Protein backbone atom coordinates (compact mmCIF):
# COMPACT_ATOMS: atom_id res chain seq x y z
CA MET A 1 0.10 -0.26 -0.48
CA ILE A 2 1.41 3.73 -1.34
CA PRO A 3 -0.38 6.23 0.92
CA ALA A 4 0.38 9.51 -1.31
CA ARG A 5 -1.61 12.30 0.16
CA TYR A 6 -1.51 15.77 -1.97
CA ALA A 7 -1.09 18.68 0.97
CA ALA A 8 1.82 17.91 2.05
CA THR A 9 3.72 20.60 4.42
CA ARG A 10 6.96 20.78 3.77
CA PHE A 11 6.56 20.59 0.13
CA PRO A 12 2.90 20.64 -1.62
CA ALA A 13 2.54 18.84 -4.14
CA LYS A 14 5.55 17.32 -4.10
CA LEU A 15 4.04 13.24 -5.71
CA MET A 16 3.19 15.62 -8.64
CA GLN A 17 6.36 17.01 -9.37
CA VAL A 18 7.37 15.39 -12.31
CA LEU A 19 11.08 14.18 -11.60
CA GLY A 20 12.35 12.82 -15.09
CA ASN A 21 9.81 11.35 -17.96
CA LYS A 22 7.06 10.70 -14.95
CA THR A 23 5.37 11.92 -11.54
CA VAL A 24 7.00 11.30 -8.52
CA ILE A 25 3.82 9.21 -7.60
CA ARG A 26 4.02 6.88 -10.42
CA HIS A 27 7.58 6.43 -9.86
CA THR A 28 6.87 4.94 -6.43
CA TYR A 29 4.24 2.65 -7.77
CA ASP A 30 6.23 1.11 -11.02
CA ASN A 31 9.11 0.37 -9.35
CA THR A 32 7.05 -1.04 -6.51
CA VAL A 33 5.30 -3.21 -8.89
CA ALA A 34 8.41 -3.88 -10.56
CA THR A 35 9.86 -6.09 -7.30
CA GLY A 36 7.41 -8.34 -8.48
CA LEU A 37 7.28 -8.94 -4.29
CA PHE A 38 3.76 -8.17 -3.80
CA ASP A 39 0.06 -9.62 -4.38
CA GLU A 40 -1.20 -6.28 -4.82
CA VAL A 41 0.38 -2.82 -5.20
CA VAL A 42 -2.73 -0.13 -4.50
CA VAL A 43 -1.97 3.66 -3.82
CA VAL A 44 -4.39 4.96 -1.63
CA THR A 45 -4.88 9.06 -1.58
CA ASP A 46 -7.20 11.23 -0.41
CA SER A 47 -6.65 13.38 -3.65
CA GLU A 48 -8.56 12.63 -7.14
CA ILE A 49 -5.50 14.10 -9.07
CA ILE A 50 -3.17 11.53 -7.48
CA PHE A 51 -5.66 9.09 -7.96
CA LYS A 52 -6.41 10.04 -12.01
CA GLU A 53 -2.23 10.30 -12.24
CA ILE A 54 -2.08 6.18 -10.71
CA THR A 55 -5.07 5.20 -13.12
CA THR A 56 -5.29 7.01 -16.16
CA HIS A 57 -1.22 4.96 -16.19
CA GLY A 58 -3.51 1.44 -15.34
CA GLY A 59 -2.40 1.44 -11.99
CA LYS A 60 -4.75 0.90 -8.98
CA ALA A 61 -5.40 3.62 -6.54
CA ILE A 62 -8.67 3.97 -3.71
CA MET A 63 -9.70 6.83 -2.24
CA SER A 64 -9.60 7.42 1.54
CA THR A 65 -13.11 8.01 2.69
CA ARG A 66 -11.48 10.23 5.87
CA GLU A 67 -9.06 12.28 6.70
CA HIS A 68 -6.15 10.93 7.91
CA GLU A 69 -3.65 11.73 10.78
CA SER A 70 -0.66 9.34 9.52
CA GLY A 71 -0.22 7.03 6.46
CA SER A 72 -0.71 4.56 8.79
CA ASP A 73 -3.89 5.24 9.44
CA ARG A 74 -4.80 5.95 5.75
CA ILE A 75 -3.95 2.07 4.65
CA ALA A 76 -5.56 0.56 7.25
CA GLU A 77 -8.45 1.19 6.71
CA ALA A 78 -8.21 0.22 3.21
CA VAL A 79 -7.61 -3.00 4.90
CA ALA A 80 -9.61 -3.57 7.42
CA LYS A 81 -12.26 -5.87 5.32
CA ILE A 82 -9.20 -6.96 2.94
CA GLU A 83 -7.83 -10.80 4.24
CA VAL A 84 -4.05 -9.78 4.40
CA ASP A 85 -1.54 -10.94 6.32
CA ILE A 86 1.94 -8.84 6.05
CA VAL A 87 0.58 -5.09 5.14
CA VAL A 88 4.13 -3.45 3.37
CA ASN A 89 3.61 0.74 3.52
CA VAL A 90 6.16 2.42 1.37
CA GLN A 91 5.21 6.23 1.11
CA GLY A 92 4.93 7.81 -1.49
CA ASP A 93 7.66 9.95 -2.05
CA GLU A 94 9.47 6.76 -2.42
CA PRO A 95 10.71 7.45 -6.22
CA PHE A 96 13.87 5.21 -5.96
CA VAL A 97 12.56 2.45 -3.94
CA GLN A 98 13.81 -1.44 -4.78
CA LYS A 99 13.53 -5.25 -4.36
CA GLU A 100 16.32 -6.07 -2.47
CA PRO A 101 15.58 -3.68 0.35
CA LEU A 102 11.90 -4.79 0.68
CA GLU A 103 12.94 -8.90 0.45
CA LYS A 104 14.87 -7.85 3.03
CA LEU A 105 12.02 -6.67 4.46
CA LEU A 106 9.49 -8.68 4.03
CA LYS A 107 11.24 -11.75 5.86
CA VAL A 108 11.91 -10.73 8.67
CA PHE A 109 8.77 -11.63 9.51
CA ASP A 110 9.86 -15.61 9.35
CA ASP A 111 10.00 -14.68 12.95
CA ASP A 112 6.21 -14.62 14.32
CA LYS A 113 7.03 -12.74 17.19
CA VAL A 114 7.42 -9.71 14.70
CA GLU A 115 4.90 -7.12 14.48
CA VAL A 116 6.15 -4.13 12.94
CA ALA A 117 9.69 -3.65 10.63
CA SER A 118 10.93 -1.28 8.69
CA LEU A 119 14.40 0.68 6.98
CA MET A 120 16.77 2.43 7.82
CA GLN A 121 19.92 3.10 6.69
CA VAL A 122 23.56 4.93 7.77
CA LEU A 123 23.45 8.61 7.31
CA LYS A 124 27.02 10.16 7.30
CA GLU A 125 26.99 13.64 5.70
CA GLU A 126 26.46 16.04 8.98
CA LYS A 127 24.06 18.45 7.01
CA PHE A 128 21.90 15.64 7.23
CA ILE A 129 22.27 14.23 10.65
CA SER A 130 21.43 17.69 11.75
CA ASP A 131 18.62 18.04 9.42
CA PRO A 132 14.95 17.43 11.05
CA ASN A 133 13.62 16.44 7.87
CA TYR A 134 15.74 13.12 7.94
CA VAL A 135 14.60 11.35 10.98
CA LYS A 136 17.23 9.67 12.60
CA VAL A 137 16.59 6.06 14.77
CA ALA A 138 18.32 4.43 17.32
CA VAL A 139 18.61 0.68 18.00
CA ASP A 140 19.56 -2.25 20.36
CA LYS A 141 22.42 -4.39 19.92
CA ASN A 142 19.99 -6.25 18.25
CA ASN A 143 18.74 -3.68 15.92
CA ASN A 144 15.51 -2.57 18.22
CA ALA A 145 13.99 0.58 17.80
CA LEU A 146 14.89 2.33 20.25
CA PHE A 147 13.80 5.52 19.72
CA PHE A 148 12.87 7.56 16.46
CA SER A 149 13.72 11.80 16.12
CA ARG A 150 14.48 14.74 14.33
CA SER A 151 17.70 15.80 16.28
CA ALA A 152 20.61 13.87 15.99
CA ILE A 153 20.28 10.72 18.31
CA PRO A 154 22.48 9.51 19.54
CA TYR A 155 24.46 12.76 21.42
CA GLN A 156 27.93 12.64 21.03
CA ARG A 157 28.76 13.48 24.13
CA ASP A 158 31.99 11.99 24.47
CA LYS A 159 34.61 13.33 21.21
CA ASN A 160 36.37 10.08 21.52
CA ILE A 161 33.31 7.94 20.55
CA THR A 162 32.75 8.20 17.09
CA PRO A 163 28.68 7.51 16.35
CA VAL A 164 26.78 5.96 14.03
CA TYR A 165 24.09 7.75 13.36
CA TYR A 166 20.80 5.23 11.11
CA GLU A 167 18.07 7.42 9.14
CA HIS A 168 15.18 5.58 8.92
CA ILE A 169 13.26 5.01 5.80
CA GLY A 170 9.95 5.62 5.35
CA VAL A 171 8.81 2.14 4.53
CA TYR A 172 7.12 -0.61 6.92
CA ALA A 173 5.89 -4.12 7.36
CA PHE A 174 2.97 -4.86 9.51
CA ARG A 175 1.35 -7.97 10.52
CA LYS A 176 -2.61 -6.70 9.78
CA PRO A 177 -3.95 -6.56 13.74
CA ALA A 178 -1.03 -4.59 14.46
CA LEU A 179 -1.85 -2.06 11.80
CA ILE A 180 -5.47 -2.64 13.01
CA ASN A 181 -4.82 -1.54 16.57
CA PHE A 182 -2.49 1.23 15.98
CA THR A 183 -5.49 2.93 14.17
CA ASN A 184 -7.42 2.24 17.17
CA TRP A 185 -5.15 4.32 19.28
CA GLU A 186 -4.77 7.51 20.15
CA VAL A 187 -1.99 10.20 18.92
CA THR A 188 1.23 9.60 21.56
CA PRO A 189 2.58 12.22 23.38
CA LEU A 190 6.14 11.58 21.80
CA GLU A 191 4.12 10.80 18.53
CA ALA A 192 2.74 14.40 18.41
CA ILE A 193 5.96 16.82 19.44
CA GLU A 194 8.10 14.38 17.64
CA LYS A 195 5.46 14.24 14.16
CA ILE A 196 6.76 10.60 13.72
CA GLU A 197 3.70 8.49 13.58
CA CYS A 198 5.74 5.17 14.13
CA LEU A 199 6.67 6.14 17.51
CA ARG A 200 2.61 5.49 18.44
CA TYR A 201 3.62 1.30 18.07
CA LEU A 202 7.25 2.59 21.04
CA GLU A 203 4.74 4.01 23.13
CA ASN A 204 2.52 1.49 23.12
CA GLY A 205 5.30 -1.30 23.80
CA VAL A 206 4.70 -3.01 20.60
CA PRO A 207 8.86 -3.09 19.59
CA ILE A 208 9.94 -2.16 15.25
CA LYS A 209 12.30 -4.18 13.59
CA MET A 210 15.26 -2.76 12.09
CA ILE A 211 16.81 -4.03 8.82
CA VAL A 212 19.99 -1.83 7.66
CA THR A 213 19.57 -0.86 4.14
CA GLU A 214 22.42 0.29 1.53
CA TYR A 215 20.85 2.51 -0.52
CA MET A 216 17.08 3.25 -1.03
CA GLY A 217 18.09 7.23 -3.35
CA ILE A 218 16.18 10.02 -1.81
CA GLU A 219 13.28 10.62 -0.13
CA ILE A 220 11.18 13.54 -1.65
CA ASP A 221 11.05 15.85 1.04
CA THR A 222 11.70 19.90 -0.09
CA PRO A 223 12.52 21.05 -3.18
CA GLU A 224 16.20 20.07 -2.68
CA ASP A 225 15.75 17.07 -2.46
CA LEU A 226 13.96 16.72 -5.82
CA ILE A 227 17.13 18.59 -7.36
CA ARG A 228 19.00 16.09 -5.83
CA ALA A 229 16.58 13.04 -7.27
CA VAL A 230 17.04 14.74 -11.04
CA SER A 231 20.89 14.28 -10.41
CA LEU A 232 20.62 10.74 -9.42
CA LEU A 233 17.99 9.82 -11.84
CA LYS A 234 20.35 11.11 -14.72
């Protein structure tokens, strides 16, 4: 499921920006389909513009019937009446999505104890580590998420120790019951402060298994990201 909201706060209409020969949302949809990993790929949107962009090019999309706080809420509405085991949430602004990271993400569900999983990649450039548009995640020794933040975590108190910073990539996978539970919980305090939806799971005691990937391209969050993406595509 690809949640796709038209009125993004930081970059309005970002999903309809042209990247190469097609829009950002079509890159995301087409590349997700091309992985061959899923029984079905669907864009879930509140926008008739995005709905038409996908369906007129042969893709599958459905309209949300309600306003939603997060992408997870949006796709939970869409899958509520569908018989499904694992739901993957690929954010609409991930135009360079690839097969290998998603394959690794799905593999962790061989463990029955995993309810929610997501992706992360190492951040090395200081300008991105300190940029609040890049969500960072700290993990335990088993790669379960400890905290997500727009701040740089961990804080480097000891200058003799070089920390590893991980960027949280906006791709999640859930067992359906975990996703439905998410929508039944109130927005949690840390989620509200940071505006990071997956904190709702941690604040309700649900672990999130994090998988390291070496490459997921560029998430389109700002006009500057789009410029970087155009260069990468070339």
